Protein backbone atom coordinates (compact mmCIF):
# COMPACT_ATOMS: atom_id res chain seq x y z
CA MET A 1 4.25 -2.31 33.77
CA LEU A 2 2.27 -1.25 30.70
CA ALA A 3 -1.11 -1.08 32.48
CA VAL A 4 -2.97 -2.20 29.37
CA LYS A 5 -6.64 -3.03 29.80
CA LYS A 6 -8.31 -6.00 28.10
CA THR A 7 -9.39 -3.85 25.16
CA GLY A 8 -6.19 -1.79 25.14
CA ARG A 9 -3.48 -2.05 22.53
CA VAL A 10 0.28 -2.02 22.50
CA VAL A 11 2.65 -0.54 19.95
CA PHE A 12 6.06 -1.90 18.92
CA ARG A 13 8.67 0.59 17.74
CA GLY A 14 11.84 -0.52 15.97
CA MET A 15 14.58 1.87 17.00
CA PRO A 16 17.58 2.82 14.80
CA ASP A 17 19.99 1.03 17.16
CA GLY A 18 18.08 -2.26 16.78
CA ARG A 19 16.18 -2.11 20.07
CA VAL A 20 12.42 -2.68 20.08
CA GLU A 21 10.31 -0.57 22.40
CA ILE A 22 6.93 -1.84 23.56
CA ASP A 23 4.50 0.73 24.90
CA ARG A 24 0.83 1.20 25.57
CA LYS A 25 -0.92 2.74 22.54
CA ASP A 26 -2.35 6.16 23.19
CA GLU A 27 -5.96 5.99 21.98
CA ASN A 28 -5.75 9.62 20.81
CA GLU A 29 -2.54 9.05 18.85
CA VAL A 30 -2.98 8.96 15.09
CA TYR A 31 -0.39 6.91 13.22
CA THR A 32 0.62 8.17 9.80
CA ASP A 33 2.50 5.77 7.56
CA PRO A 34 5.32 7.77 5.92
CA VAL A 35 5.31 5.64 2.75
CA ILE A 36 1.55 5.92 2.26
CA SER A 37 1.71 9.65 3.01
CA LYS A 38 4.37 10.18 0.33
CA PHE A 39 2.39 8.12 -2.18
CA LEU A 40 -0.82 10.04 -1.49
CA GLY A 41 1.12 13.31 -1.81
CA PHE A 42 2.44 12.13 -5.18
CA LEU A 43 -1.10 11.28 -6.33
CA GLU A 44 -2.37 14.67 -5.16
CA GLN A 45 0.32 16.54 -7.10
CA ASP A 46 -0.24 14.40 -10.19
CA LEU A 47 -3.99 14.97 -10.15
CA LYS A 48 -3.52 18.69 -9.67
CA ALA A 49 -1.13 18.80 -12.62
CA ARG A 50 -3.27 16.69 -14.96
CA GLY A 51 -6.72 17.78 -13.84
CA LYS A 52 -9.90 15.82 -13.38
CA ASP A 53 -9.58 14.19 -16.83
CA ALA A 54 -6.83 12.00 -15.34
CA ILE A 55 -9.50 9.98 -13.52
CA ARG A 56 -11.25 7.49 -15.78
CA PRO A 57 -13.51 4.52 -15.12
CA VAL A 58 -11.97 1.06 -15.09
CA PRO A 59 -12.73 -0.60 -18.45
CA GLN A 60 -14.98 -3.65 -18.33
CA SER A 61 -12.36 -5.62 -20.32
CA PHE A 62 -9.85 -5.08 -17.48
CA LEU A 63 -12.37 -6.34 -14.92
CA ASP A 64 -13.15 -9.37 -17.10
CA ASP A 65 -9.45 -10.23 -17.41
CA TYR A 66 -8.93 -9.72 -13.67
CA HIS A 67 -11.84 -11.99 -12.83
CA GLU A 68 -10.63 -14.67 -15.23
CA LEU A 69 -7.14 -14.64 -13.70
CA SER A 70 -8.10 -14.33 -10.05
CA ASN A 71 -11.56 -15.90 -9.74
CA LEU A 72 -12.47 -12.99 -7.45
CA ASP A 73 -15.63 -10.97 -7.86
CA ILE A 74 -15.28 -7.20 -7.90
CA ASP A 75 -18.18 -5.03 -6.78
CA LEU A 76 -17.40 -1.46 -7.82
CA ASN A 77 -20.47 -0.27 -5.89
CA ALA A 78 -19.31 -1.76 -2.60
CA PRO A 79 -18.23 0.72 0.08
């Protein structure tokens, strides 16, 4: 049927007519999320229009508030 190996993957595609197709994932296929692509395009255009001054460090007060509300540690030096 799909001839998927143990380490292989499958992909589910929702079709406009409501059907769902299941297929073996092509390992060379690169998936591009259309929503993320549009958002990144928006960011690119905005940064080009406003220049490098549009990028600023996150204020420590914001991080303190975030930590207080979420109890999560944020490591800005983490990869």
